[in-house]
Amino acid sequence: MSGPIKVLIVDDSAVVRQVLSELLARDPDIHVIGAAADPLFALQRMQREWPDVIVLDVEMPRMDGITFLRKLMRERPTPVVVCSTLTERGAETTMQALSAGAVEVVAKPKLGLKEFLQASVQSLTHAVKAAAKARLGQVAVPPPPALAPAALGTATDHVVAIGTSTGGTRALEAVLTQLPADCPGIVIVQHMPERFTAAFAQRLNALCHCEVREAEDGDRVLQGRVLVAPGGRHLQLRRSGSQYLVDVRDGPPVNRHKPSVDVLFHSVARHAGRHAVGIIMTGMGDDGANGLLAMRQAGAFTIAQDEASCVVYGMPKEAVERGAVCQVLPLTDIAAAIMRLGKPA
């Protein structure tokens, strides 16, 4: 891509269109080519100039964002950043958007909108730049096998820690749906705003053999259980006797993120050491690279998703370049590696 990233904003709120346009225009690497009140107006605008990235509201009149997104991905795939409200309904709709092909999510509250968006300018520009680098169509999510009851209750000997960002929601679905009910205990950081992680975990739980849930402070890491870090909180592992538990904590962002992959990985290195497997997957930036190196140095086996199967080959690339990775694998091989490496010798 040469020149600034061309962005089109599609939102039925005039205030959102104005504020987003002003904020994104401050970045010299971003050029807002227009703003439309709904997808039909957007399609007319796109006939004159096609954007590199679309910032899309999902609840609009005439044509909703999900219908527009599916039409777009079917006819001319284009990176989409979903701008969704911080509500339960907004979170559920956002999961549909991610499943339909959106690559990033930014949140907007119902109240204090202008102030919130101004405070979130860094995450907004980061999301747009990540989306601009996305290679659409990289993640083919296989159909999940017939569900079997989750096998909970057994303390896990090995802990599998996974970190993902842009493109990670579909990549995680591709991996987790292939795991059996007796998979090793798994802890995950997926960069995602507050409130959306609960809906994401619920969606995965409905698709997977294992239990998937948003992590709560003090949760045990068990065989057959997958714990997803809550948006807006850091997730850390600790050991208590013969079992592993998680701490869910507030704190400043690390590498611009909360939850941060590095925070999780460093805690796993410290408390699980050689009894851990670390996996870094698709995403922009370097969050998790140093933590994965710490895991490898502590004796853990570490894996990076390969470039060909990543939506954005940023985080895995940084980890590889820092010597943090024992093995590079395509997305389709990661579930088998978890089962092979996550069992006691």
Protein backbone atom coordinates (compact mmCIF):
# COMPACT_ATOMS: atom_id res chain seq x y z
CA MET A 1 0.00 0.00 0.00
CA SER A 2 1.46 3.36 -1.06
CA GLY A 3 0.38 6.64 0.51
CA PRO A 4 -1.94 7.17 3.47
CA ILE A 5 -4.58 4.57 4.38
CA LYS A 6 -7.87 5.56 2.74
CA VAL A 7 -10.68 5.23 5.32
CA LEU A 8 -14.44 5.41 4.87
CA ILE A 9 -16.62 5.85 7.99
CA VAL A 10 -20.12 4.37 7.95
CA ASP A 11 -22.27 5.32 10.95
CA ASP A 12 -25.80 6.70 11.30
CA SER A 13 -24.71 9.12 14.05
CA ALA A 14 -23.61 12.50 12.70
CA VAL A 15 -21.63 13.06 15.91
CA VAL A 16 -19.71 9.80 15.49
CA ARG A 17 -18.99 10.55 11.83
CA GLN A 18 -17.69 14.00 12.68
CA VAL A 19 -15.58 12.97 15.68
CA LEU A 20 -14.10 9.89 14.01
CA SER A 21 -13.27 11.88 10.90
CA GLU A 22 -11.52 14.59 12.93
CA LEU A 23 -9.59 12.17 15.12
CA LEU A 24 -8.40 9.88 12.34
CA ALA A 25 -7.45 12.85 10.15
CA ARG A 26 -4.87 13.88 12.77
CA ASP A 27 -2.72 10.90 11.82
CA PRO A 28 -0.60 11.60 8.73
CA ASP A 29 -0.77 7.92 7.74
CA ILE A 30 -4.58 8.02 7.50
CA HIS A 31 -6.75 9.84 4.96
CA VAL A 32 -10.51 9.90 5.59
CA ILE A 33 -12.04 9.86 2.10
CA GLY A 34 -15.61 10.23 3.33
CA ALA A 35 -18.33 9.41 5.84
CA ALA A 36 -21.74 7.88 5.11
CA ALA A 37 -24.90 7.63 7.20
CA ASP A 38 -25.68 4.08 6.11
CA PRO A 39 -24.36 1.26 3.86
CA LEU A 40 -26.42 2.32 0.85
CA PHE A 41 -24.88 5.79 0.86
CA ALA A 42 -21.50 4.12 1.49
CA LEU A 43 -21.85 1.92 -1.61
CA GLN A 44 -22.56 4.99 -3.73
CA ARG A 45 -19.48 6.71 -2.30
CA MET A 46 -17.33 3.62 -2.86
CA GLN A 47 -18.17 3.55 -6.56
CA ARG A 48 -16.14 6.75 -6.91
CA GLU A 49 -13.21 5.71 -4.70
CA TRP A 50 -12.66 2.43 -2.93
CA PRO A 51 -11.35 2.63 0.65
CA ASP A 52 -8.50 0.61 2.10
CA VAL A 53 -10.36 0.28 5.41
CA ILE A 54 -14.00 0.76 6.42
CA VAL A 55 -14.95 1.82 9.97
CA LEU A 56 -18.44 0.38 10.32
CA ASP A 57 -21.30 0.73 12.77
CA VAL A 58 -23.38 -2.45 12.96
CA GLU A 59 -26.79 -1.04 13.90
CA MET A 60 -28.09 1.26 11.15
CA PRO A 61 -31.31 1.92 9.23
CA ARG A 62 -32.06 0.77 5.65
CA MET A 63 -29.27 -1.85 5.67
CA ASP A 64 -27.66 -3.12 8.87
CA GLY A 65 -23.90 -3.43 9.20
CA ILE A 66 -23.86 -7.24 9.22
CA THR A 67 -25.76 -7.48 5.93
CA PHE A 68 -23.43 -4.89 4.40
CA LEU A 69 -20.36 -6.70 5.74
CA ARG A 70 -21.43 -10.04 4.29
CA LYS A 71 -22.19 -8.43 0.93
CA LEU A 72 -18.78 -6.75 0.97
CA MET A 73 -16.87 -9.94 1.81
CA ARG A 74 -18.73 -11.84 -0.87
CA GLU A 75 -18.27 -9.29 -3.65
CA ARG A 76 -15.07 -7.36 -2.88
CA PRO A 77 -13.37 -8.26 0.43
CA THR A 78 -12.18 -5.12 2.23
CA PRO A 79 -10.77 -4.78 5.76
CA VAL A 80 -13.47 -3.66 8.20
CA VAL A 81 -13.14 -2.22 11.71
CA VAL A 82 -16.40 -2.60 13.63
CA CYS A 83 -17.37 0.35 15.84
CA SER A 84 -19.91 -1.08 18.27
CA THR A 85 -21.73 0.05 21.41
CA LEU A 86 -20.74 -1.21 24.85
CA THR A 87 -23.96 -3.14 25.41
CA GLU A 88 -24.87 -6.80 25.57
CA ARG A 89 -26.72 -6.52 22.26
CA GLY A 90 -23.78 -4.65 20.75
CA ALA A 91 -21.40 -7.39 21.87
CA GLU A 92 -23.52 -10.14 20.34
CA THR A 93 -23.80 -8.26 17.05
CA THR A 94 -20.05 -7.68 17.08
CA MET A 95 -19.46 -11.44 17.33
CA GLN A 96 -21.58 -11.85 14.20
CA ALA A 97 -19.50 -9.18 12.48
CA LEU A 98 -16.22 -10.86 13.39
CA SER A 99 -17.57 -14.18 12.19
CA ALA A 100 -18.60 -12.50 8.92
CA GLY A 101 -15.08 -11.20 8.32
CA ALA A 102 -14.46 -8.00 10.30
CA VAL A 103 -10.87 -7.89 11.53
CA GLU A 104 -10.89 -5.38 14.41
CA VAL A 105 -13.29 -4.00 17.03
CA VAL A 106 -13.42 -0.59 18.68
CA ALA A 107 -15.99 0.26 21.34
CA LYS A 108 -18.22 3.29 21.75
CA PRO A 109 -20.42 4.00 24.79
CA LYS A 110 -23.94 5.39 24.60
CA LEU A 111 -23.06 8.37 26.81
CA GLY A 112 -20.06 10.68 26.76
CA LEU A 113 -19.37 9.61 23.20
CA LYS A 114 -17.24 12.52 22.04
CA GLU A 115 -15.00 12.46 25.12
CA PHE A 116 -14.67 8.68 24.97
CA LEU A 117 -13.65 8.66 21.32
CA GLN A 118 -11.11 11.43 21.90
CA ALA A 119 -9.59 9.43 24.76
CA SER A 120 -9.48 6.34 22.53
CA VAL A 121 -7.73 7.92 19.54
CA GLN A 122 -4.65 5.72 19.92
CA SER A 123 -6.66 2.51 19.88
CA LEU A 124 -8.71 3.80 16.94
CA THR A 125 -5.69 4.57 14.79
CA HIS A 126 -4.01 1.31 15.84
CA ALA A 127 -7.12 -0.64 14.79
CA VAL A 128 -7.25 1.09 11.40
CA LYS A 129 -3.54 0.49 10.74
CA ALA A 130 -3.84 -3.15 11.77
CA ALA A 131 -6.85 -3.63 9.50
CA ALA A 132 -4.97 -2.06 6.59
CA LYS A 133 -2.34 -4.80 6.88
CA ALA A 134 -4.88 -7.62 7.10
CA ARG A 135 -4.84 -10.33 4.47
CA LEU A 136 -8.45 -11.33 4.15
CA GLY A 137 -9.43 -14.91 3.49
CA GLN A 138 -6.43 -16.27 5.40
CA VAL A 139 -8.50 -18.03 8.06
CA ALA A 140 -10.60 -20.94 6.93
CA VAL A 141 -12.56 -22.04 9.98
CA PRO A 142 -13.26 -25.78 9.71
CA PRO A 143 -16.68 -27.04 10.78
CA PRO A 144 -16.50 -28.21 14.40
CA PRO A 145 -16.98 -31.91 15.07
CA ALA A 146 -20.09 -33.11 16.89
CA LEU A 147 -20.02 -31.78 20.43
CA ALA A 148 -19.22 -34.03 23.36
CA PRO A 149 -19.56 -33.12 27.06
CA ALA A 150 -16.62 -31.18 28.48
CA ALA A 151 -14.43 -33.22 30.83
CA LEU A 152 -13.88 -30.90 33.75
CA GLY A 153 -12.58 -31.45 37.23
CA THR A 154 -9.04 -32.70 36.67
CA ALA A 155 -6.18 -30.39 37.57
CA THR A 156 -4.05 -29.75 34.51
CA ASP A 157 -0.38 -30.75 34.58
CA HIS A 158 0.55 -28.54 31.64
CA VAL A 159 -0.78 -25.06 30.91
CA VAL A 160 -1.21 -23.79 27.36
CA ALA A 161 -1.03 -19.98 27.03
CA ILE A 162 -2.18 -18.34 23.78
CA GLY A 163 -1.89 -14.72 22.68
CA THR A 164 -3.69 -13.22 19.67
CA SER A 165 -4.84 -9.89 18.26
CA THR A 166 -5.99 -8.82 14.77
CA GLY A 167 -7.62 -11.81 13.07
CA GLY A 168 -7.40 -13.79 16.29
CA THR A 169 -11.09 -14.38 16.92
CA ARG A 170 -11.49 -16.57 13.84
CA ALA A 171 -8.05 -18.15 14.31
CA LEU A 172 -8.96 -19.15 17.88
CA GLU A 173 -12.24 -20.59 16.65
CA ALA A 174 -10.33 -22.64 14.09
CA VAL A 175 -8.03 -24.06 16.80
CA LEU A 176 -10.36 -24.51 19.77
CA THR A 177 -13.16 -26.23 17.86
CA GLN A 178 -10.72 -28.98 16.91
CA LEU A 179 -9.74 -29.78 20.51
CA PRO A 180 -11.29 -32.71 22.40
CA ALA A 181 -13.09 -32.40 25.71
CA ASP A 182 -10.00 -33.56 27.63
CA CYS A 183 -7.65 -30.91 26.25
CA PRO A 184 -5.08 -29.41 28.64
CA GLY A 185 -6.02 -26.27 30.54
CA ILE A 186 -5.73 -23.19 28.32
CA VAL A 187 -5.42 -19.47 29.14
CA ILE A 188 -5.91 -16.88 26.40
CA VAL A 189 -5.39 -13.20 25.82
CA GLN A 190 -7.24 -11.90 22.76
CA HIS A 191 -7.02 -8.14 22.33
CA MET A 192 -10.64 -7.03 22.54
CA PRO A 193 -12.51 -4.21 24.30
CA GLU A 194 -14.30 -4.61 27.62
CA ARG A 195 -17.63 -6.49 27.52
CA PHE A 196 -16.97 -8.08 24.15
CA THR A 197 -14.81 -10.89 25.56
CA ALA A 198 -17.76 -12.41 27.47
CA ALA A 199 -19.81 -12.69 24.27
CA PHE A 200 -16.76 -14.07 22.45
CA ALA A 201 -16.23 -16.77 25.09
CA GLN A 202 -19.93 -17.68 25.04
CA ARG A 203 -19.83 -18.08 21.28
CA LEU A 204 -16.80 -20.37 21.48
CA ASN A 205 -18.33 -22.35 24.32
CA ALA A 206 -21.33 -23.14 22.12
CA LEU A 207 -19.03 -24.43 19.36
CA CYS A 208 -16.36 -26.34 21.30
CA HIS A 209 -16.04 -29.72 23.03
CA CYS A 210 -14.20 -28.03 25.91
CA GLU A 211 -15.62 -25.41 28.26
CA VAL A 212 -14.78 -21.85 27.20
CA ARG A 213 -15.50 -18.99 29.59
CA GLU A 214 -14.41 -15.47 30.38
CA ALA A 215 -11.92 -15.73 33.23
CA GLU A 216 -12.83 -14.62 36.74
CA ASP A 217 -10.38 -13.91 39.52
CA GLY A 218 -9.42 -17.15 41.26
CA ASP A 219 -10.63 -19.52 38.51
CA ARG A 220 -8.82 -22.86 38.42
CA VAL A 221 -7.05 -23.92 35.26
CA LEU A 222 -8.50 -27.37 34.59
CA GLN A 223 -8.32 -30.04 31.96
CA GLY A 224 -11.03 -29.30 29.41
CA ARG A 225 -11.33 -25.61 30.39
CA VAL A 226 -10.34 -22.55 28.35
CA LEU A 227 -10.16 -19.20 30.17
CA VAL A 228 -10.31 -15.98 28.12
CA ALA A 229 -8.95 -12.76 29.63
CA PRO A 230 -11.70 -10.16 30.17
CA GLY A 231 -11.40 -7.01 28.09
CA GLY A 232 -10.01 -4.18 30.18
CA ARG A 233 -8.26 -6.50 32.69
CA HIS A 234 -4.92 -8.30 32.77
CA LEU A 235 -4.83 -12.08 33.19
CA GLN A 236 -2.01 -13.76 35.15
CA LEU A 237 -1.27 -17.34 36.10
CA ARG A 238 -0.20 -18.46 39.56
CA ARG A 239 0.39 -21.77 41.25
CA SER A 240 -1.21 -22.89 44.49
CA GLY A 241 0.11 -26.25 45.62
CA SER A 242 -0.50 -28.74 42.82
CA GLN A 243 -2.96 -26.58 40.90
CA TYR A 244 -2.91 -23.49 38.71
CA LEU A 245 -5.23 -20.52 39.17
CA VAL A 246 -5.63 -17.18 37.45
CA ASP A 247 -5.62 -13.65 38.79
CA VAL A 248 -7.70 -11.04 36.98
CA ARG A 249 -6.30 -7.60 37.75
CA ASP A 250 -6.65 -3.97 36.73
CA GLY A 251 -3.57 -1.95 35.91
CA PRO A 252 -2.06 0.25 33.23
CA PRO A 253 -1.96 -0.98 29.63
CA VAL A 254 1.17 -2.89 28.61
CA ASN A 255 2.29 -2.48 24.99
CA ARG A 256 -0.86 -0.33 24.58
CA HIS A 257 -3.05 -3.30 25.56
CA LYS A 258 -5.16 -4.40 28.50
CA PRO A 259 -5.28 -7.37 28.60
CA SER A 260 -1.69 -7.78 27.47
CA VAL A 261 -0.21 -10.99 26.11
CA ASP A 262 3.14 -10.13 27.67
CA VAL A 263 1.59 -9.90 31.14
CA LEU A 264 0.09 -13.38 30.77
CA PHE A 265 3.19 -14.97 29.22
CA HIS A 266 5.57 -13.58 31.86
CA SER A 267 3.37 -14.98 34.63
CA VAL A 268 3.24 -18.38 32.91
CA ALA A 269 7.03 -18.38 32.55
CA ARG A 270 7.37 -17.60 36.25
CA HIS A 271 4.85 -20.08 37.64
CA ALA A 272 4.66 -22.93 35.10
CA GLY A 273 8.08 -22.92 33.42
CA ARG A 274 8.72 -26.16 31.55
CA HIS A 275 5.18 -27.32 32.31
CA ALA A 276 3.81 -24.79 29.82
CA VAL A 277 3.28 -24.36 26.11
CA GLY A 278 3.23 -20.82 24.69
CA ILE A 279 1.55 -19.96 21.40
CA ILE A 280 1.57 -16.58 19.66
CA MET A 281 -0.82 -16.10 16.77
CA THR A 282 -2.01 -13.51 14.26
CA GLY A 283 -1.85 -9.86 15.32
CA MET A 284 -0.20 -6.49 14.79
CA GLY A 285 2.59 -5.17 16.97
CA ASP A 286 4.93 -6.93 19.37
CA ASP A 287 2.78 -7.70 22.43
CA GLY A 288 3.74 -11.16 23.66
CA ALA A 289 7.15 -11.43 21.97
CA ASN A 290 9.18 -10.72 25.11
CA GLY A 291 6.85 -12.82 27.26
CA LEU A 292 7.17 -15.76 24.89
CA LEU A 293 10.96 -15.44 25.05
CA ALA A 294 10.74 -15.56 28.85
CA MET A 295 8.61 -18.71 28.55
CA ARG A 296 11.16 -20.36 26.27
CA GLN A 297 14.01 -19.42 28.59
CA ALA A 298 12.03 -20.95 31.49
CA GLY A 299 11.81 -24.27 29.63
CA ALA A 300 8.41 -23.98 27.94
CA PHE A 301 7.84 -25.15 24.37
CA THR A 302 6.88 -22.15 22.24
CA ILE A 303 5.03 -21.93 18.92
CA ALA A 304 4.36 -19.13 16.44
CA GLN A 305 1.68 -19.21 13.77
CA ASP A 306 3.24 -19.12 10.31
CA GLU A 307 3.07 -16.09 8.05
CA ALA A 308 1.00 -17.79 5.34
CA SER A 309 -1.95 -18.46 7.68
CA CYS A 310 -1.85 -15.16 9.62
CA VAL A 311 -4.24 -12.32 8.91
CA VAL A 312 -1.50 -9.99 10.20
CA TYR A 313 2.00 -11.42 10.62
CA GLY A 314 3.16 -8.96 13.26
CA MET A 315 3.24 -10.52 16.72
CA PRO A 316 4.51 -13.93 15.52
CA LYS A 317 7.18 -12.24 13.38
CA GLU A 318 8.46 -10.23 16.34
CA ALA A 319 8.60 -13.37 18.49
CA VAL A 320 10.52 -15.30 15.82
CA GLU A 321 13.01 -12.46 15.34
CA ARG A 322 13.70 -12.32 19.09
CA GLY A 323 14.48 -16.03 19.29
CA ALA A 324 11.38 -16.76 21.33
CA VAL A 325 10.01 -19.55 19.13
CA CYS A 326 10.79 -23.26 19.16
CA GLN A 327 8.54 -24.11 16.21
CA VAL A 328 6.57 -22.29 13.51
CA LEU A 329 3.30 -23.96 12.51
CA PRO A 330 0.38 -23.27 10.18
CA LEU A 331 -2.93 -22.60 11.88
CA THR A 332 -4.26 -26.02 10.85
CA ASP A 333 -1.55 -27.81 12.88
CA ILE A 334 -1.82 -25.90 16.15
CA ALA A 335 -4.64 -27.93 17.74
CA ALA A 336 -2.72 -31.18 17.23
CA ALA A 337 0.40 -29.57 18.71
CA ILE A 338 -1.56 -28.51 21.80
CA MET A 339 -2.67 -32.10 22.38
CA ARG A 340 0.79 -33.49 21.72
CA LEU A 341 2.72 -31.01 23.87
CA GLY A 342 0.16 -30.20 26.52
CA LYS A 343 0.13 -33.67 28.07
CA PRO A 344 2.54 -34.81 30.78
CA ALA A 345 5.48 -36.82 29.46
